[in-house]
């Protein structure tokens, strides 16, 4: 199989962007801590990845398709975790305590 320079660059870009996403995804899965994840940003990001996937399918650009399928699955998983675990929980014994700044 012979890859053109265009396909090689596209494949490399797809691999690098997908791999760069893995450490954050792994940390979120491992800790279930998504407090630093913006729900609005991740929603827009996930929609953008889905559109890149559709674009890749329409072009028949398989490196783009494969990378965006993987990224979309990871993004959906993190978005789902944000929806499930992202709410701040106040424990009953903390609800009546003043904040650390001295006010109430």
Foldseek 3Di string as FASTA:
>chain_A
DDDDPVLVVLLVVLVVVLVVVPVVLVVCVVPLDCQVPDLVVLVVVLVVLVVQLVVCVVVVSVSSNVSSVSVNVSSVVSSVSCVVPVDDDDDPVRPPDADPVPHD
